Amino acid sequence: GRTPDAGYWSIPSTNGTTTITDAAHLNATVVSAGADVVCRELMYQL
């Protein structure tokens, strides 16, 4: 159940550890609590 289907969304705003804010993509119709967020945290590490 991946979105976007390919590639990534860019992270507009984050506290660096536990939140991402993205007005262009994130809301309750797109994602639910219990889902996974996969972040690119190093050049070659997800």
All heavy atoms as atom14 arrays in JSON, in Angstrom:
{
  "sequence": "GRTPDAGYWSIPSTNGTTTITDAAHLNATVVSAGADVVCRELMYQL",
  "atom14_mask": [
    [1, 1, 1, 1, 0, 0, 0, 0, 0, 0, 0, 0, 0, 0],
    [1, 1, 1, 1, 1, 1, 1, 1, 1, 1, 1, 0, 0, 0],
    [1, 1, 1, 1, 1, 1, 1, 0, 0, 0, 0, 0, 0, 0],
    [1, 1, 1, 1, 1, 1, 1, 0, 0, 0, 0, 0, 0, 0],
    [1, 1, 1, 1, 1, 1, 1, 1, 0, 0, 0, 0, 0, 0],
    [1, 1, 1, 1, 1, 0, 0, 0, 0, 0, 0, 0, 0, 0],
    [1, 1, 1, 1, 0, 0, 0, 0, 0, 0, 0, 0, 0, 0],
    [1, 1, 1, 1, 1, 1, 1, 1, 1, 1, 1, 1, 0, 0],
    [1, 1, 1, 1, 1, 1, 1, 1, 1, 1, 1, 1, 1, 1],
    [1, 1, 1, 1, 1, 1, 0, 0, 0, 0, 0, 0, 0, 0],
    [1, 1, 1, 1, 1, 1, 1, 1, 0, 0, 0, 0, 0, 0],
    [1, 1, 1, 1, 1, 1, 1, 0, 0, 0, 0, 0, 0, 0],
    [1, 1, 1, 1, 1, 1, 0, 0, 0, 0, 0, 0, 0, 0],
    [1, 1, 1, 1, 1, 1, 1, 0, 0, 0, 0, 0, 0, 0],
    [1, 1, 1, 1, 1, 1, 1, 1, 0, 0, 0, 0, 0, 0],
    [1, 1, 1, 1, 0, 0, 0, 0, 0, 0, 0, 0, 0, 0],
    [1, 1, 1, 1, 1, 1, 1, 0, 0, 0, 0, 0, 0, 0],
    [1, 1, 1, 1, 1, 1, 1, 0, 0, 0, 0, 0, 0, 0],
    [1, 1, 1, 1, 1, 1, 1, 0, 0, 0, 0, 0, 0, 0],
    [1, 1, 1, 1, 1, 1, 1, 1, 0, 0, 0, 0, 0, 0],
    [1, 1, 1, 1, 1, 1, 1, 0, 0, 0, 0, 0, 0, 0],
    [1, 1, 1, 1, 1, 1, 1, 1, 0, 0, 0, 0, 0, 0],
    [1, 1, 1, 1, 1, 0, 0, 0, 0, 0, 0, 0, 0, 0],
    [1, 1, 1, 1, 1, 0, 0, 0, 0, 0, 0, 0, 0, 0],
    [1, 1, 1, 1, 1, 1, 1, 1, 1, 1, 0, 0, 0, 0],
    [1, 1, 1, 1, 1, 1, 1, 1, 0, 0, 0, 0, 0, 0],
    [1, 1, 1, 1, 1, 1, 1, 1, 0, 0, 0, 0, 0, 0],
    [1, 1, 1, 1, 1, 0, 0, 0, 0, 0, 0, 0, 0, 0],
    [1, 1, 1, 1, 1, 1, 1, 0, 0, 0, 0, 0, 0, 0],
    [1, 1, 1, 1, 1, 1, 1, 0, 0, 0, 0, 0, 0, 0],
    [1, 1, 1, 1, 1, 1, 1, 0, 0, 0, 0, 0, 0, 0],
    [1, 1, 1, 1, 1, 1, 0, 0, 0, 0, 0, 0, 0, 0],
    [1, 1, 1, 1, 1, 0, 0, 0, 0, 0, 0, 0, 0, 0],
    [1, 1, 1, 1, 0, 0, 0, 0, 0, 0, 0, 0, 0, 0],
    [1, 1, 1, 1, 1, 0, 0, 0, 0, 0, 0, 0, 0, 0],
    [1, 1, 1, 1, 1, 1, 1, 1, 0, 0, 0, 0, 0, 0],
    [1, 1, 1, 1, 1, 1, 1, 0, 0, 0, 0, 0, 0, 0],
    [1, 1, 1, 1, 1, 1, 1, 0, 0, 0, 0, 0, 0, 0],
    [1, 1, 1, 1, 1, 1, 0, 0, 0, 0, 0, 0, 0, 0],
    [1, 1, 1, 1, 1, 1, 1, 1, 1, 1, 1, 0, 0, 0],
    [1, 1, 1, 1, 1, 1, 1, 1, 1, 0, 0, 0, 0, 0],
    [1, 1, 1, 1, 1, 1, 1, 1, 0, 0, 0, 0, 0, 0],
    [1, 1, 1, 1, 1, 1, 1, 1, 0, 0, 0, 0, 0, 0],
    [1, 1, 1, 1, 1, 1, 1, 1, 1, 1, 1, 1, 0, 0],
    [1, 1, 1, 1, 1, 1, 1, 1, 1, 0, 0, 0, 0, 0],
    [1, 1, 1, 1, 1, 1, 1, 1, 0, 0, 0, 0, 0, 0]
  ],
  "atom14_positions": [
    [[0.81, -1.2, 0.0], [0.0, 0.0, 0.0], [0.85, 1.26, 0.0], [0.72, 2.11, 0.86], [0.0, 0.0, 0.0], [0.0, 0.0, 0.0], [0.0, 0.0, 0.0], [0.0, 0.0, 0.0], [0.0, 0.0, 0.0], [0.0, 0.0, 0.0], [0.0, 0.0, 0.0], [0.0, 0.0, 0.0], [0.0, 0.0, 0.0], [0.0, 0.0, 0.0]],
    [[1.73, 1.4, -0.97], [2.72, 2.49, -0.99], [2.18, 3.73, -1.7], [1.54, 3.63, -2.75], [3.97, 2.01, -1.71], [5.15, 2.98, -1.69], [6.21, 2.5, -2.67], [7.52, 3.04, -2.47], [7.93, 4.23, -2.88], [7.07, 5.03, -3.5], [9.17, 4.63, -2.67], [0.0, 0.0, 0.0], [0.0, 0.0, 0.0], [0.0, 0.0, 0.0]],
    [[2.45, 4.89, -1.13], [2.18, 6.16, -1.8], [3.29, 7.15, -1.45], [3.68, 7.23, -0.28], [0.8, 6.74, -1.4], [0.52, 7.88, -2.21], [0.71, 7.12, 0.07], [0.0, 0.0, 0.0], [0.0, 0.0, 0.0], [0.0, 0.0, 0.0], [0.0, 0.0, 0.0], [0.0, 0.0, 0.0], [0.0, 0.0, 0.0], [0.0, 0.0, 0.0]],
    [[3.87, 7.86, -2.43], [3.55, 7.75, -3.86], [3.96, 6.39, -4.42], [4.74, 5.67, -3.79], [4.38, 8.88, -4.47], [5.54, 9.04, -3.52], [4.98, 8.79, -2.16], [0.0, 0.0, 0.0], [0.0, 0.0, 0.0], [0.0, 0.0, 0.0], [0.0, 0.0, 0.0], [0.0, 0.0, 0.0], [0.0, 0.0, 0.0], [0.0, 0.0, 0.0]],
    [[3.43, 6.06, -5.59], [3.68, 4.75, -6.18], [5.16, 4.51, -6.45], [5.63, 3.37, -6.42], [2.9, 4.59, -7.48], [1.4, 4.51, -7.22], [1.02, 4.27, -6.06], [0.62, 4.68, -8.18], [0.0, 0.0, 0.0], [0.0, 0.0, 0.0], [0.0, 0.0, 0.0], [0.0, 0.0, 0.0], [0.0, 0.0, 0.0], [0.0, 0.0, 0.0]],
    [[5.9, 5.58, -6.74], [7.34, 5.48, -6.99], [8.0, 6.77, -6.51], [7.36, 7.82, -6.42], [7.62, 5.26, -8.48], [0.0, 0.0, 0.0], [0.0, 0.0, 0.0], [0.0, 0.0, 0.0], [0.0, 0.0, 0.0], [0.0, 0.0, 0.0], [0.0, 0.0, 0.0], [0.0, 0.0, 0.0], [0.0, 0.0, 0.0], [0.0, 0.0, 0.0]],
    [[9.26, 6.67, -6.17], [9.99, 7.85, -5.72], [9.59, 8.28, -4.32], [9.11, 7.47, -3.52], [0.0, 0.0, 0.0], [0.0, 0.0, 0.0], [0.0, 0.0, 0.0], [0.0, 0.0, 0.0], [0.0, 0.0, 0.0], [0.0, 0.0, 0.0], [0.0, 0.0, 0.0], [0.0, 0.0, 0.0], [0.0, 0.0, 0.0], [0.0, 0.0, 0.0]],
    [[9.76, 9.57, -4.04], [9.55, 10.08, -2.69], [8.77, 11.39, -2.74], [8.77, 12.1, -3.75], [10.89, 10.37, -2.0], [11.86, 9.22, -1.96], [12.74, 8.98, -3.02], [11.92, 8.39, -0.85], [13.64, 7.93, -2.98], [12.83, 7.34, -0.79], [13.68, 7.12, -1.86], [14.57, 6.08, -1.82], [0.0, 0.0, 0.0], [0.0, 0.0, 0.0]],
    [[8.15, 11.72, -1.63], [7.74, 13.09, -1.36], [8.87, 13.76, -0.59], [9.55, 13.13, 0.22], [6.47, 13.13, -0.52], [5.23, 12.73, -1.26], [4.96, 12.9, -2.59], [4.07, 12.09, -0.71], [3.72, 12.42, -2.9], [3.15, 11.91, -1.76], [3.72, 11.65, 0.57], [1.92, 11.32, -1.59], [2.49, 11.06, 0.76], [1.6, 10.89, -0.31]],
    [[9.08, 15.03, -0.83], [10.1, 15.77, -0.1], [9.54, 16.2, 1.26], [8.37, 16.55, 1.38], [10.52, 17.01, -0.9], [11.5, 17.74, -0.2], [0.0, 0.0, 0.0], [0.0, 0.0, 0.0], [0.0, 0.0, 0.0], [0.0, 0.0, 0.0], [0.0, 0.0, 0.0], [0.0, 0.0, 0.0], [0.0, 0.0, 0.0], [0.0, 0.0, 0.0]],
    [[10.37, 16.18, 2.29], [9.96, 16.55, 3.65], [10.04, 18.07, 3.8], [11.14, 18.64, 3.89], [10.86, 15.88, 4.7], [10.8, 14.36, 4.57], [10.47, 16.32, 6.11], [11.76, 13.62, 5.49], [0.0, 0.0, 0.0], [0.0, 0.0, 0.0], [0.0, 0.0, 0.0], [0.0, 0.0, 0.0], [0.0, 0.0, 0.0], [0.0, 0.0, 0.0]],
    [[8.89, 18.77, 3.84], [8.93, 20.23, 3.99], [9.35, 20.66, 5.4], [10.12, 21.61, 5.57], [7.5, 20.67, 3.7], [6.84, 19.51, 3.05], [7.51, 18.3, 3.63], [0.0, 0.0, 0.0], [0.0, 0.0, 0.0], [0.0, 0.0, 0.0], [0.0, 0.0, 0.0], [0.0, 0.0, 0.0], [0.0, 0.0, 0.0], [0.0, 0.0, 0.0]],
    [[8.81, 19.94, 6.42], [9.07, 20.35, 7.79], [9.07, 19.13, 8.71], [8.24, 18.23, 8.56], [7.99, 21.34, 8.26], [8.16, 21.68, 9.62], [0.0, 0.0, 0.0], [0.0, 0.0, 0.0], [0.0, 0.0, 0.0], [0.0, 0.0, 0.0], [0.0, 0.0, 0.0], [0.0, 0.0, 0.0], [0.0, 0.0, 0.0], [0.0, 0.0, 0.0]],
    [[10.01, 19.1, 9.65], [10.11, 17.99, 10.61], [10.78, 18.49, 11.88], [11.57, 19.44, 11.83], [10.92, 16.83, 10.02], [11.13, 15.83, 11.03], [12.26, 17.29, 9.5], [0.0, 0.0, 0.0], [0.0, 0.0, 0.0], [0.0, 0.0, 0.0], [0.0, 0.0, 0.0], [0.0, 0.0, 0.0], [0.0, 0.0, 0.0], [0.0, 0.0, 0.0]],
    [[10.44, 17.85, 13.0], [11.18, 18.18, 14.23], [12.48, 17.37, 14.32], [13.19, 17.45, 15.31], [10.3, 17.95, 15.47], [9.99, 16.47, 15.71], [10.37, 15.59, 14.93], [9.26, 16.19, 16.79], [0.0, 0.0, 0.0], [0.0, 0.0, 0.0], [0.0, 0.0, 0.0], [0.0, 0.0, 0.0], [0.0, 0.0, 0.0], [0.0, 0.0, 0.0]],
    [[12.73, 16.58, 13.3], [13.99, 15.84, 13.22], [13.96, 14.45, 13.81], [14.89, 13.67, 13.61], [0.0, 0.0, 0.0], [0.0, 0.0, 0.0], [0.0, 0.0, 0.0], [0.0, 0.0, 0.0], [0.0, 0.0, 0.0], [0.0, 0.0, 0.0], [0.0, 0.0, 0.0], [0.0, 0.0, 0.0], [0.0, 0.0, 0.0], [0.0, 0.0, 0.0]],
    [[12.86, 14.12, 14.52], [12.84, 12.81, 15.16], [11.49, 12.09, 15.04], [11.44, 10.91, 14.73], [13.18, 12.92, 16.66], [12.29, 13.87, 17.27], [14.62, 13.35, 16.86], [0.0, 0.0, 0.0], [0.0, 0.0, 0.0], [0.0, 0.0, 0.0], [0.0, 0.0, 0.0], [0.0, 0.0, 0.0], [0.0, 0.0, 0.0], [0.0, 0.0, 0.0]],
    [[10.37, 12.82, 15.28], [9.08, 12.11, 15.4], [7.93, 12.74, 14.62], [6.8, 12.25, 14.72], [8.66, 12.03, 16.89], [8.53, 13.36, 17.41], [9.67, 11.24, 17.7], [0.0, 0.0, 0.0], [0.0, 0.0, 0.0], [0.0, 0.0, 0.0], [0.0, 0.0, 0.0], [0.0, 0.0, 0.0], [0.0, 0.0, 0.0], [0.0, 0.0, 0.0]],
    [[8.15, 13.8, 13.85], [7.04, 14.39, 13.1], [7.48, 14.8, 11.7], [8.64, 15.14, 11.46], [6.46, 15.65, 13.78], [7.44, 16.7, 13.78], [6.01, 15.35, 15.21], [0.0, 0.0, 0.0], [0.0, 0.0, 0.0], [0.0, 0.0, 0.0], [0.0, 0.0, 0.0], [0.0, 0.0, 0.0], [0.0, 0.0, 0.0], [0.0, 0.0, 0.0]],
    [[6.52, 14.75, 10.78], [6.66, 15.35, 9.45], [5.38, 16.13, 9.18], [4.28, 15.61, 9.38], [6.88, 14.3, 8.35], [8.23, 13.61, 8.5], [6.74, 14.92, 6.96], [8.47, 12.49, 7.51], [0.0, 0.0, 0.0], [0.0, 0.0, 0.0], [0.0, 0.0, 0.0], [0.0, 0.0, 0.0], [0.0, 0.0, 0.0], [0.0, 0.0, 0.0]],
    [[5.52, 17.36, 8.72], [4.38, 18.18, 8.32], [4.49, 18.46, 6.82], [5.52, 18.96, 6.36], [4.34, 19.5, 9.1], [4.23, 19.22, 10.5], [3.14, 20.35, 8.67], [0.0, 0.0, 0.0], [0.0, 0.0, 0.0], [0.0, 0.0, 0.0], [0.0, 0.0, 0.0], [0.0, 0.0, 0.0], [0.0, 0.0, 0.0], [0.0, 0.0, 0.0]],
    [[3.43, 18.13, 6.09], [3.45, 18.27, 4.64], [2.03, 18.61, 4.18], [1.2, 17.72, 3.98], [3.94, 16.98, 3.99], [4.11, 17.09, 2.48], [3.66, 18.11, 1.9], [4.67, 16.16, 1.88], [0.0, 0.0, 0.0], [0.0, 0.0, 0.0], [0.0, 0.0, 0.0], [0.0, 0.0, 0.0], [0.0, 0.0, 0.0], [0.0, 0.0, 0.0]],
    [[1.76, 19.91, 3.99], [0.41, 20.36, 3.62], [0.01, 19.89, 2.24], [-1.18, 19.75, 1.94], [0.33, 21.88, 3.7], [0.0, 0.0, 0.0], [0.0, 0.0, 0.0], [0.0, 0.0, 0.0], [0.0, 0.0, 0.0], [0.0, 0.0, 0.0], [0.0, 0.0, 0.0], [0.0, 0.0, 0.0], [0.0, 0.0, 0.0], [0.0, 0.0, 0.0]],
    [[0.98, 19.61, 1.38], [0.67, 19.21, 0.0], [0.23, 17.76, -0.1], [-0.47, 17.39, -1.04], [1.88, 19.46, -0.89], [0.0, 0.0, 0.0], [0.0, 0.0, 0.0], [0.0, 0.0, 0.0], [0.0, 0.0, 0.0], [0.0, 0.0, 0.0], [0.0, 0.0, 0.0], [0.0, 0.0, 0.0], [0.0, 0.0, 0.0], [0.0, 0.0, 0.0]],
    [[0.61, 16.92, 0.87], [0.38, 15.49, 0.71], [-0.29, 14.8, 1.9], [-0.96, 13.78, 1.72], [1.71, 14.77, 0.42], [2.39, 15.24, -0.81], [3.57, 15.96, -0.78], [2.07, 15.12, -2.12], [3.96, 16.24, -2.01], [3.06, 15.74, -2.85], [0.0, 0.0, 0.0], [0.0, 0.0, 0.0], [0.0, 0.0, 0.0], [0.0, 0.0, 0.0]],
    [[-0.09, 15.28, 3.09], [-0.53, 14.54, 4.27], [-1.85, 15.05, 4.84], [-2.01, 16.26, 5.06], [0.54, 14.61, 5.38], [1.87, 13.92, 5.07], [2.83, 14.09, 6.24], [1.66, 12.44, 4.77], [0.0, 0.0, 0.0], [0.0, 0.0, 0.0], [0.0, 0.0, 0.0], [0.0, 0.0, 0.0], [0.0, 0.0, 0.0], [0.0, 0.0, 0.0]],
    [[-2.77, 14.13, 5.06], [-4.01, 14.39, 5.79], [-4.64, 13.03, 6.11], [-4.16, 11.98, 5.66], [-4.97, 15.3, 5.01], [-5.3, 14.74, 3.64], [-5.94, 13.7, 3.52], [-4.85, 15.43, 2.58], [0.0, 0.0, 0.0], [0.0, 0.0, 0.0], [0.0, 0.0, 0.0], [0.0, 0.0, 0.0], [0.0, 0.0, 0.0], [0.0, 0.0, 0.0]],
    [[-5.73, 13.05, 6.84], [-6.34, 11.8, 7.32], [-6.98, 10.98, 6.2], [-7.28, 9.81, 6.41], [-7.38, 12.12, 8.39], [0.0, 0.0, 0.0], [0.0, 0.0, 0.0], [0.0, 0.0, 0.0], [0.0, 0.0, 0.0], [0.0, 0.0, 0.0], [0.0, 0.0, 0.0], [0.0, 0.0, 0.0], [0.0, 0.0, 0.0], [0.0, 0.0, 0.0]],
    [[-7.19, 11.56, 5.03], [-7.73, 10.78, 3.91], [-6.63, 10.03, 3.17], [-6.92, 9.12, 2.39], [-8.47, 11.68, 2.91], [-7.55, 12.61, 2.33], [-9.59, 12.46, 3.61], [0.0, 0.0, 0.0], [0.0, 0.0, 0.0], [0.0, 0.0, 0.0], [0.0, 0.0, 0.0], [0.0, 0.0, 0.0], [0.0, 0.0, 0.0], [0.0, 0.0, 0.0]],
    [[-5.38, 10.38, 3.43], [-4.24, 9.76, 2.74], [-3.56, 8.71, 3.6], [-3.1, 7.68, 3.1], [-3.22, 10.84, 2.32], [-1.96, 10.22, 1.72], [-3.85, 11.82, 1.35], [0.0, 0.0, 0.0], [0.0, 0.0, 0.0], [0.0, 0.0, 0.0], [0.0, 0.0, 0.0], [0.0, 0.0, 0.0], [0.0, 0.0, 0.0], [0.0, 0.0, 0.0]],
    [[-3.51, 8.91, 4.9], [-2.75, 8.03, 5.79], [-3.47, 7.88, 7.13], [-4.15, 8.8, 7.58], [-1.32, 8.57, 5.99], [-1.33, 9.95, 6.64], [-0.47, 7.6, 6.8], [0.0, 0.0, 0.0], [0.0, 0.0, 0.0], [0.0, 0.0, 0.0], [0.0, 0.0, 0.0], [0.0, 0.0, 0.0], [0.0, 0.0, 0.0], [0.0, 0.0, 0.0]],
    [[-3.3, 6.72, 7.75], [-3.92, 6.44, 9.03], [-2.86, 6.12, 10.08], [-1.75, 5.68, 9.75], [-4.86, 5.23, 8.93], [-5.77, 5.37, 7.87], [0.0, 0.0, 0.0], [0.0, 0.0, 0.0], [0.0, 0.0, 0.0], [0.0, 0.0, 0.0], [0.0, 0.0, 0.0], [0.0, 0.0, 0.0], [0.0, 0.0, 0.0], [0.0, 0.0, 0.0]],
    [[-3.21, 6.33, 11.33], [-2.36, 5.84, 12.42], [-2.24, 4.32, 12.31], [-3.2, 3.64, 12.0], [-2.95, 6.24, 13.77], [0.0, 0.0, 0.0], [0.0, 0.0, 0.0], [0.0, 0.0, 0.0], [0.0, 0.0, 0.0], [0.0, 0.0, 0.0], [0.0, 0.0, 0.0], [0.0, 0.0, 0.0], [0.0, 0.0, 0.0], [0.0, 0.0, 0.0]],
    [[-1.04, 3.81, 12.52], [-0.77, 2.39, 12.35], [-0.03, 2.07, 11.07], [0.54, 0.99, 10.93], [0.0, 0.0, 0.0], [0.0, 0.0, 0.0], [0.0, 0.0, 0.0], [0.0, 0.0, 0.0], [0.0, 0.0, 0.0], [0.0, 0.0, 0.0], [0.0, 0.0, 0.0], [0.0, 0.0, 0.0], [0.0, 0.0, 0.0], [0.0, 0.0, 0.0]],
    [[-0.05, 3.01, 10.12], [0.72, 2.83, 8.88], [2.2, 3.09, 9.15], [2.59, 3.45, 10.27], [0.2, 3.77, 7.8], [0.0, 0.0, 0.0], [0.0, 0.0, 0.0], [0.0, 0.0, 0.0], [0.0, 0.0, 0.0], [0.0, 0.0, 0.0], [0.0, 0.0, 0.0], [0.0, 0.0, 0.0], [0.0, 0.0, 0.0], [0.0, 0.0, 0.0]],
    [[3.03, 2.9, 8.11], [4.46, 3.15, 8.23], [4.84, 4.38, 7.41], [4.31, 4.6, 6.32], [5.27, 1.97, 7.68], [5.01, 0.68, 8.43], [4.76, 0.75, 9.65], [5.05, -0.4, 7.8], [0.0, 0.0, 0.0], [0.0, 0.0, 0.0], [0.0, 0.0, 0.0], [0.0, 0.0, 0.0], [0.0, 0.0, 0.0], [0.0, 0.0, 0.0]],
    [[5.78, 5.14, 7.93], [6.45, 6.16, 7.14], [7.89, 5.71, 6.98], [8.54, 5.3, 7.93], [6.37, 7.57, 7.78], [6.96, 7.59, 9.19], [7.07, 8.59, 6.89], [0.0, 0.0, 0.0], [0.0, 0.0, 0.0], [0.0, 0.0, 0.0], [0.0, 0.0, 0.0], [0.0, 0.0, 0.0], [0.0, 0.0, 0.0], [0.0, 0.0, 0.0]],
    [[8.37, 5.73, 5.74], [9.74, 5.31, 5.43], [10.52, 6.55, 5.03], [10.17, 7.22, 4.05], [9.76, 4.26, 4.31], [11.21, 3.84, 4.03], [8.92, 3.06, 4.69], [0.0, 0.0, 0.0], [0.0, 0.0, 0.0], [0.0, 0.0, 0.0], [0.0, 0.0, 0.0], [0.0, 0.0, 0.0], [0.0, 0.0, 0.0], [0.0, 0.0, 0.0]],
    [[11.55, 6.89, 5.79], [12.31, 8.12, 5.59], [13.72, 7.81, 5.1], [14.35, 6.87, 5.58], [12.4, 8.91, 6.9], [10.82, 9.34, 7.64], [0.0, 0.0, 0.0], [0.0, 0.0, 0.0], [0.0, 0.0, 0.0], [0.0, 0.0, 0.0], [0.0, 0.0, 0.0], [0.0, 0.0, 0.0], [0.0, 0.0, 0.0], [0.0, 0.0, 0.0]],
    [[14.16, 8.65, 4.18], [15.55, 8.55, 3.73], [16.39, 9.4, 4.68], [16.42, 10.63, 4.56], [15.68, 9.04, 2.29], [17.05, 8.8, 1.7], [17.09, 9.22, 0.24], [18.38, 8.94, -0.36], [18.71, 9.28, -1.6], [17.82, 9.91, -2.37], [19.9, 9.0, -2.08], [0.0, 0.0, 0.0], [0.0, 0.0, 0.0], [0.0, 0.0, 0.0]],
    [[17.05, 8.76, 5.61], [17.73, 9.47, 6.69], [19.24, 9.61, 6.45], [19.89, 10.46, 7.07], [17.44, 8.78, 8.02], [15.94, 8.83, 8.34], [15.55, 8.01, 9.55], [16.45, 7.6, 10.32], [14.34, 7.76, 9.73], [0.0, 0.0, 0.0], [0.0, 0.0, 0.0], [0.0, 0.0, 0.0], [0.0, 0.0, 0.0], [0.0, 0.0, 0.0]],
    [[19.79, 8.77, 5.61], [21.15, 8.91, 5.14], [21.13, 8.71, 3.62], [20.15, 8.24, 3.06], [22.09, 7.89, 5.79], [22.36, 8.07, 7.29], [23.19, 6.89, 7.81], [23.06, 9.38, 7.59], [0.0, 0.0, 0.0], [0.0, 0.0, 0.0], [0.0, 0.0, 0.0], [0.0, 0.0, 0.0], [0.0, 0.0, 0.0], [0.0, 0.0, 0.0]],
    [[22.21, 9.06, 2.96], [22.24, 8.99, 1.5], [21.83, 7.61, 0.99], [21.11, 7.49, 0.0], [23.65, 9.34, 1.0], [23.76, 9.39, -0.52], [22.74, 10.71, -1.26], [23.63, 12.15, -0.68], [0.0, 0.0, 0.0], [0.0, 0.0, 0.0], [0.0, 0.0, 0.0], [0.0, 0.0, 0.0], [0.0, 0.0, 0.0], [0.0, 0.0, 0.0]],
    [[22.28, 6.56, 1.67], [21.98, 5.2, 1.21], [21.24, 4.4, 2.28], [21.38, 3.19, 2.35], [23.28, 4.49, 0.82], [24.03, 5.19, -0.27], [25.19, 5.92, 0.01], [23.58, 5.15, -1.59], [25.88, 6.57, -0.99], [24.27, 5.81, -2.6], [25.41, 6.52, -2.3], [26.1, 7.17, -3.29], [0.0, 0.0, 0.0], [0.0, 0.0, 0.0]],
    [[20.44, 5.07, 3.1], [19.74, 4.35, 4.17], [18.31, 4.83, 4.32], [18.05, 6.02, 4.47], [20.48, 4.52, 5.5], [19.85, 3.74, 6.65], [20.72, 3.71, 7.89], [21.95, 3.72, 7.79], [20.11, 3.66, 9.06], [0.0, 0.0, 0.0], [0.0, 0.0, 0.0], [0.0, 0.0, 0.0], [0.0, 0.0, 0.0], [0.0, 0.0, 0.0]],
    [[17.37, 3.86, 4.27], [15.96, 4.13, 4.53], [15.59, 3.48, 5.86], [15.98, 2.35, 6.13], [15.08, 3.55, 3.42], [15.3, 4.06, 2.01], [14.4, 3.31, 1.03], [15.02, 5.55, 1.93], [0.0, 0.0, 0.0], [0.0, 0.0, 0.0], [0.0, 0.0, 0.0], [0.0, 0.0, 0.0], [0.0, 0.0, 0.0], [0.0, 0.0, 0.0]]
  ]
}
